[in-house]
C-alpha atoms as a PDB file:
ATOM      1  CA  MET A   1      37.576   5.201 -17.937  1.00  0.00           C
ATOM      2  CA  ARG A   2      34.935   4.435 -15.352  1.00  0.00           C
ATOM      3  CA  ARG A   3      34.670   0.817 -14.259  1.00  0.00           C
ATOM      4  CA  ILE A   4      31.644  -0.665 -12.543  1.00  0.00           C
ATOM      5  CA  ALA A   5      31.898  -3.942 -10.686  1.00  0.00           C
ATOM      6  CA  PHE A   6      28.838  -6.108 -10.194  1.00  0.00           C
ATOM      7  CA  ALA A   7      28.850  -9.086  -7.861  1.00  0.00           C
ATOM      8  CA  LEU A   8      26.064 -11.542  -7.298  1.00  0.00           C
ATOM      9  CA  ALA A   9      25.371 -12.055  -3.601  1.00  0.00           C
ATOM     10  CA  PHE A  10      23.675 -15.365  -4.211  1.00  0.00           C
ATOM     11  CA  ALA A  11      24.020 -17.788  -7.105  1.00  0.00           C
ATOM     12  CA  GLY A  12      20.228 -18.112  -7.157  1.00  0.00           C
ATOM     13  CA  LEU A  13      19.876 -14.579  -8.492  1.00  0.00           C
ATOM     14  CA  ALA A  14      20.136 -15.908 -12.030  1.00  0.00           C
ATOM     15  CA  LEU A  15      16.923 -17.772 -11.295  1.00  0.00           C
ATOM     16  CA  GLY A  16      15.234 -14.632 -10.013  1.00  0.00           C
ATOM     17  CA  VAL A  17      15.763 -15.202  -6.294  1.00  0.00           C
ATOM     18  CA  GLY A  18      17.946 -13.611  -3.683  1.00  0.00           C
ATOM     19  CA  PRO A  19      19.430 -10.155  -3.224  1.00  0.00           C
ATOM     20  CA  VAL A  20      22.192  -8.703  -5.339  1.00  0.00           C
ATOM     21  CA  ALA A  21      25.207  -6.631  -4.349  1.00  0.00           C
ATOM     22  CA  VAL A  22      26.309  -3.872  -6.703  1.00  0.00           C
ATOM     23  CA  TRP A  23      29.036  -1.305  -6.144  1.00  0.00           C
ATOM     24  CA  ALA A  24      30.802   1.447  -8.034  1.00  0.00           C
ATOM     25  CA  GLN A  25      34.518   2.134  -8.224  1.00  0.00           C
ATOM     26  CA  ASP A  26      36.642   5.137  -9.211  1.00  0.00           C
ATOM     27  CA  GLY A  27      34.437   7.904  -7.724  1.00  0.00           C
ATOM     28  CA  ALA A  28      31.142   9.427  -8.784  1.00  0.00           C
ATOM     29  CA  ALA A  29      30.063   9.703 -12.388  1.00  0.00           C
ATOM     30  CA  SER A  30      28.772  12.900 -13.889  1.00  0.00           C
ATOM     31  CA  GLY A  31      25.154  12.617 -14.962  1.00  0.00           C
ATOM     32  CA  PRO A  32      23.029   9.487 -14.996  1.00  0.00           C
ATOM     33  CA  LEU A  33      25.073   6.330 -14.830  1.00  0.00           C
ATOM     34  CA  ARG A  34      24.542   3.842 -17.646  1.00  0.00           C
ATOM     35  CA  SER A  35      24.195   0.440 -16.079  1.00  0.00           C
ATOM     36  CA  PRO A  36      22.664  -2.901 -17.018  1.00  0.00           C
ATOM     37  CA  LEU A  37      20.902  -2.828 -13.637  1.00  0.00           C
ATOM     38  CA  VAL A  38      18.979   0.050 -12.063  1.00  0.00           C
ATOM     39  CA  THR A  39      17.145   0.159  -8.751  1.00  0.00           C
ATOM     40  CA  ILE A  40      13.982   1.812  -7.540  1.00  0.00           C
ATOM     41  CA  ASP A  41      12.302   2.305  -4.176  1.00  0.00           C
ATOM     42  CA  GLN A  42       8.803   1.166  -5.131  1.00  0.00           C
ATOM     43  CA  GLU A  43       7.169   2.354  -1.895  1.00  0.00           C
ATOM     44  CA  LYS A  44       8.726   5.823  -2.200  1.00  0.00           C
ATOM     45  CA  LEU A  45       7.670   6.063  -5.839  1.00  0.00           C
ATOM     46  CA  PHE A  46       4.095   5.179  -4.886  1.00  0.00           C
ATOM     47  CA  THR A  47       3.813   7.359  -1.767  1.00  0.00           C
ATOM     48  CA  GLU A  48       5.752  10.426  -2.954  1.00  0.00           C
ATOM     49  CA  SER A  49       4.417  10.884  -6.486  1.00  0.00           C
ATOM     50  CA  ALA A  50       1.318  13.044  -6.910  1.00  0.00           C
ATOM     51  CA  PHE A  51      -0.458  10.262  -8.810  1.00  0.00           C
ATOM     52  CA  GLY A  52       0.309   7.705  -6.098  1.00  0.00           C
ATOM     53  CA  GLN A  53      -0.720  10.116  -3.346  1.00  0.00           C
ATOM     54  CA  SER A  54      -4.051  10.697  -5.057  1.00  0.00           C
ATOM     55  CA  LEU A  55      -4.719   6.952  -5.185  1.00  0.00           C
ATOM     56  CA  ILE A  56      -3.741   6.624  -1.526  1.00  0.00           C
ATOM     57  CA  ALA A  57      -6.033   9.554  -0.654  1.00  0.00           C
ATOM     58  CA  ARG A  58      -9.026   7.685  -2.081  1.00  0.00           C
ATOM     59  CA  VAL A  59      -8.313   4.707   0.166  1.00  0.00           C
ATOM     60  CA  GLU A  60      -7.601   6.930   3.178  1.00  0.00           C
ATOM     61  CA  GLN A  61     -10.900   8.737   2.631  1.00  0.00           C
ATOM     62  CA  ASP A  62     -12.708   5.398   2.918  1.00  0.00           C
ATOM     63  CA  SER A  63     -10.526   4.433   5.891  1.00  0.00           C
ATOM     64  CA  THR A  64     -11.385   7.668   7.714  1.00  0.00           C
ATOM     65  CA  ALA A  65     -15.082   7.087   7.034  1.00  0.00           C
ATOM     66  CA  LEU A  66     -14.829   3.527   8.375  1.00  0.00           C
ATOM     67  CA  ALA A  67     -13.036   4.718  11.522  1.00  0.00           C
ATOM     68  CA  ALA A  68     -15.807   7.282  12.142  1.00  0.00           C
ATOM     69  CA  GLU A  69     -18.445   4.607  11.549  1.00  0.00           C
ATOM     70  CA  ASN A  70     -16.665   2.290  14.010  1.00  0.00           C
ATOM     71  CA  ARG A  71     -16.598   5.008  16.687  1.00  0.00           C
ATOM     72  CA  LYS A  72     -20.328   5.667  16.175  1.00  0.00           C
ATOM     73  CA  ILE A  73     -21.182   1.956  16.369  1.00  0.00           C
ATOM     74  CA  GLU A  74     -19.035   1.540  19.475  1.00  0.00           C
ATOM     75  CA  ALA A  75     -20.822   4.413  21.212  1.00  0.00           C
ATOM     76  CA  GLU A  76     -24.222   2.961  20.274  1.00  0.00           C
ATOM     77  CA  LEU A  77     -23.264  -0.504  21.536  1.00  0.00           C
ATOM     78  CA  LEU A  78     -21.922   0.871  24.801  1.00  0.00           C
ATOM     79  CA  ALA A  79     -25.167   2.776  25.318  1.00  0.00           C
ATOM     80  CA  GLU A  80     -27.191  -0.344  24.511  1.00  0.00           C
ATOM     81  CA  GLU A  81     -25.080  -2.432  26.885  1.00  0.00           C
ATOM     82  CA  LYS A  82     -25.555   0.124  29.677  1.00  0.00           C
ATOM     83  CA  ALA A  83     -29.315   0.191  29.083  1.00  0.00           C
ATOM     84  CA  LEU A  84     -29.394  -3.614  29.265  1.00  0.00           C
ATOM     85  CA  THR A  85     -27.372  -3.572  32.497  1.00  0.00           C
ATOM     86  CA  ASP A  86     -29.682  -0.917  33.980  1.00  0.00           C
ATOM     87  CA  GLU A  87     -32.705  -2.993  32.968  1.00  0.00           C
ATOM     88  CA  ARG A  88     -31.359  -6.199  34.527  1.00  0.00           C
ATOM     89  CA  PRO A  89     -32.874  -5.694  38.026  1.00  0.00           C
ATOM     90  CA  THR A  90     -36.366  -5.371  36.509  1.00  0.00           C
ATOM     91  CA  LEU A  91     -36.137  -8.502  34.353  1.00  0.00           C
ATOM     92  CA  ASP A  92     -36.482 -12.103  35.362  1.00  0.00           C
ATOM     93  CA  PRO A  93     -33.223 -14.059  34.816  1.00  0.00           C
ATOM     94  CA  VAL A  94     -34.479 -15.935  31.730  1.00  0.00           C
ATOM     95  CA  ALA A  95     -35.604 -12.754  29.973  1.00  0.00           C
ATOM     96  CA  PHE A  96     -32.310 -11.053  30.794  1.00  0.00           C
ATOM     97  CA  ARG A  97     -30.275 -13.990  29.457  1.00  0.00           C
ATOM     98  CA  GLU A  98     -32.289 -13.916  26.219  1.00  0.00           C
ATOM     99  CA  LYS A  99     -31.706 -10.168  25.796  1.00  0.00           C
ATOM    100  CA  ALA A 100     -28.016 -10.507  26.710  1.00  0.00           C
ATOM    101  CA  SER A 101     -27.598 -13.378  24.241  1.00  0.00           C
ATOM    102  CA  ALA A 102     -29.301 -11.392  21.471  1.00  0.00           C
ATOM    103  CA  PHE A 103     -27.019  -8.435  22.243  1.00  0.00           C
ATOM    104  CA  ASP A 104     -23.919 -10.639  22.097  1.00  0.00           C
ATOM    105  CA  GLU A 105     -24.996 -12.052  18.730  1.00  0.00           C
ATOM    106  CA  LYS A 106     -25.545  -8.514  17.436  1.00  0.00           C
ATOM    107  CA  VAL A 107     -22.049  -7.477  18.587  1.00  0.00           C
ATOM    108  CA  VAL A 108     -20.461 -10.505  16.888  1.00  0.00           C
ATOM    109  CA  ALA A 109     -22.322  -9.794  13.616  1.00  0.00           C
ATOM    110  CA  ILE A 110     -21.353  -6.116  13.679  1.00  0.00           C
ATOM    111  CA  ARG A 111     -17.716  -6.961  14.416  1.00  0.00           C
ATOM    112  CA  LYS A 112     -17.641  -9.373  11.470  1.00  0.00           C
ATOM    113  CA  ALA A 113     -19.193  -6.774   9.150  1.00  0.00           C
ATOM    114  CA  GLN A 114     -16.684  -4.109  10.227  1.00  0.00           C
ATOM    115  CA  ASP A 115     -13.766  -6.547   9.909  1.00  0.00           C
ATOM    116  CA  ASP A 116     -14.952  -7.357   6.372  1.00  0.00           C
ATOM    117  CA  LYS A 117     -14.921  -3.643   5.566  1.00  0.00           C
ATOM    118  CA  ALA A 118     -11.395  -3.296   6.990  1.00  0.00           C
ATOM    119  CA  ARG A 119     -10.194  -6.191   4.825  1.00  0.00           C
ATOM    120  CA  SER A 120     -11.873  -4.528   1.860  1.00  0.00           C
ATOM    121  CA  LEU A 121      -9.774  -1.408   2.500  1.00  0.00           C
ATOM    122  CA  ILE A 122      -6.600  -3.524   2.449  1.00  0.00           C
ATOM    123  CA  ARG A 123      -7.680  -4.940  -0.907  1.00  0.00           C
ATOM    124  CA  GLN A 124      -8.406  -1.406  -2.146  1.00  0.00           C
ATOM    125  CA  ARG A 125      -4.873  -0.268  -1.251  1.00  0.00           C
ATOM    126  CA  GLU A 126      -3.409  -3.307  -3.004  1.00  0.00           C
ATOM    127  CA  ALA A 127      -5.556  -2.542  -6.054  1.00  0.00           C
ATOM    128  CA  ALA A 128      -4.415   1.105  -5.933  1.00  0.00           C
ATOM    129  CA  GLN A 129      -0.770   0.002  -5.927  1.00  0.00           C
ATOM    130  CA  LYS A 130      -1.402  -2.330  -8.849  1.00  0.00           C
ATOM    131  CA  GLU A 131      -3.184   0.450 -10.770  1.00  0.00           C
ATOM    132  CA  PHE A 132      -0.278   2.794 -10.012  1.00  0.00           C
ATOM    133  CA  PHE A 133       2.463   0.449 -11.188  1.00  0.00           C
ATOM    134  CA  ASN A 134       0.540  -0.546 -14.318  1.00  0.00           C
ATOM    135  CA  ALA A 135       0.305   3.155 -15.209  1.00  0.00           C
ATOM    136  CA  ALA A 136       3.930   3.891 -14.226  1.00  0.00           C
ATOM    137  CA  LEU A 137       5.468   0.908 -16.047  1.00  0.00           C
ATOM    138  CA  PRO A 138       5.991   2.751 -19.368  1.00  0.00           C
ATOM    139  CA  VAL A 139       7.840   5.506 -17.489  1.00  0.00           C
ATOM    140  CA  LEU A 140      10.086   2.983 -15.753  1.00  0.00           C
ATOM    141  CA  SER A 141      10.736   1.192 -19.059  1.00  0.00           C
ATOM    142  CA  GLU A 142      11.728   4.473 -20.690  1.00  0.00           C
ATOM    143  CA  ILE A 143      14.177   5.340 -17.906  1.00  0.00           C
ATOM    144  CA  ALA A 144      15.648   1.835 -18.000  1.00  0.00           C
ATOM    145  CA  ARG A 145      16.209   2.089 -21.776  1.00  0.00           C
ATOM    146  CA  GLU A 146      17.864   5.498 -21.371  1.00  0.00           C
ATOM    147  CA  ARG A 147      20.216   4.074 -18.757  1.00  0.00           C
ATOM    148  CA  GLY A 148      21.017   1.010 -20.846  1.00  0.00           C
ATOM    149  CA  ALA A 149      19.469  -1.227 -18.212  1.00  0.00           C
ATOM    150  CA  VAL A 150      18.123  -4.690 -18.869  1.00  0.00           C
ATOM    151  CA  ALA A 151      16.657  -5.027 -15.368  1.00  0.00           C
ATOM    152  CA  VAL A 152      15.016  -2.837 -12.722  1.00  0.00           C
ATOM    153  CA  MET A 153      15.214  -4.129  -9.150  1.00  0.00           C
ATOM    154  CA  ASP A 154      13.507  -3.010  -5.984  1.00  0.00           C
ATOM    155  CA  SER A 155      16.189  -1.294  -3.898  1.00  0.00           C
ATOM    156  CA  ARG A 156      15.188  -3.440  -0.902  1.00  0.00           C
ATOM    157  CA  SER A 157      16.589  -6.471  -2.765  1.00  0.00           C
ATOM    158  CA  VAL A 158      19.981  -4.817  -3.205  1.00  0.00           C
ATOM    159  CA  ILE A 159      22.567  -5.165  -0.472  1.00  0.00           C
ATOM    160  CA  MET A 160      24.841  -2.393  -1.745  1.00  0.00           C
ATOM    161  CA  SER A 161      24.835  -0.206  -4.851  1.00  0.00           C
ATOM    162  CA  ALA A 162      26.147   2.946  -6.439  1.00  0.00           C
ATOM    163  CA  GLY A 163      23.647   5.714  -5.738  1.00  0.00           C
ATOM    164  CA  GLN A 164      23.682   6.637  -9.426  1.00  0.00           C
ATOM    165  CA  ILE A 165      21.780   3.493 -10.399  1.00  0.00           C
ATOM    166  CA  ASP A 166      18.764   4.460  -8.261  1.00  0.00           C
ATOM    167  CA  ILE A 167      16.116   5.925 -10.571  1.00  0.00           C
ATOM    168  CA  THR A 168      13.474   6.703  -7.913  1.00  0.00           C
ATOM    169  CA  ALA A 169      13.742  10.507  -8.017  1.00  0.00           C
ATOM    170  CA  ASP A 170      13.739  10.568 -11.829  1.00  0.00           C
ATOM    171  CA  ALA A 171      10.738   8.215 -11.885  1.00  0.00           C
ATOM    172  CA  ILE A 172       8.789  10.400  -9.422  1.00  0.00           C
ATOM    173  CA  ASP A 173       9.469  13.499 -11.542  1.00  0.00           C
ATOM    174  CA  ARG A 174       8.348  11.795 -14.744  1.00  0.00           C
ATOM    175  CA  VAL A 175       5.287  10.155 -13.206  1.00  0.00           C
ATOM    176  CA  ASP A 176       4.258  13.555 -11.823  1.00  0.00           C
ATOM    177  CA  ALA A 177       4.763  15.108 -15.259  1.00  0.00           C
ATOM    178  CA  ARG A 178       2.812  12.453 -17.175  1.00  0.00           C
ATOM    179  CA  LEU A 179       0.165  10.951 -14.912  1.00  0.00           C
ATOM    180  CA  ALA A 180      -2.514  13.290 -13.638  1.00  0.00           C
ATOM    181  CA  PRO A 181      -3.549  12.816 -10.019  1.00  0.00           C
ATOM    182  CA  VAL A 182      -6.914  11.153  -9.500  1.00  0.00           C
ATOM    183  CA  THR A 183      -9.641  13.448  -8.182  1.00  0.00           C
ATOM    184  CA  PRO A 184     -11.066  12.492  -4.758  1.00  0.00           C
ATOM    185  CA  ASP A 185     -14.578  12.003  -6.163  1.00  0.00           C
ATOM    186  CA  ALA A 186     -13.385   9.569  -8.841  1.00  0.00           C
ATOM    187  CA  ALA A 187     -14.688   6.033  -8.840  1.00  0.00           C
ATOM    188  CA  PRO A 188     -13.102   3.858  -6.151  1.00  0.00           C
ATOM    189  CA  VAL A 189     -10.158   1.678  -7.039  1.00  0.00           C
ATOM    190  CA  ASP A 190     -12.314  -1.382  -6.565  1.00  0.00           C
ATOM    191  CA  THR A 191     -15.747  -1.942  -5.181  1.00  0.00           C
ATOM    192  CA  PRO A 192     -15.727  -5.058  -3.031  1.00  0.00           C
ATOM    193  CA  THR A 193     -18.973  -6.180  -1.526  1.00  0.00           C
ATOM    194  CA  GLU A 194     -19.412  -4.738   1.928  1.00  0.00           C
ATOM    195  CA  ALA A 195     -21.194  -6.526   4.718  1.00  0.00           C
ATOM    196  CA  LYS A 196     -24.143  -4.591   6.058  1.00  0.00           C
END
């Protein structure tokens, strides 16, 4: 008969904190291992499932567009700065300082607007992950029930475990089978206000 030994790495685990150590004895089991605890690599599930990849693609599309916009703005500002430098000999010092100050203020405002857009993209990715896991939760619950598990832990919180308790591959297969990828032209994950 197969015996599984579970050891708590920290006493605080009962309170929901700290990593856990889990190990198997007596060789590998045939088929999925029934265990009160299963693990999952959340990042792998998100990035390697077709549904997760489609959500990521929406954010990356916006990220690519922002990078192109930043390159265009940078080129325009460099050209404007060069024109101001070339104009300097023809301007009196007060007029030049006023133009240089106005240019500096413009650069600061543009940088703030672009930084706001970059932060918006971070929020979009976080929203995409939340949307993904909300949709995938029923799949994870089903797998956990099939395995006799009462808890699903992120594999990064586990110090050591039997490979059979990792449900990541099974979860990816089922998510791919049940959750259709999002089309690129679908509505964005969220629509934070962008600075202009």
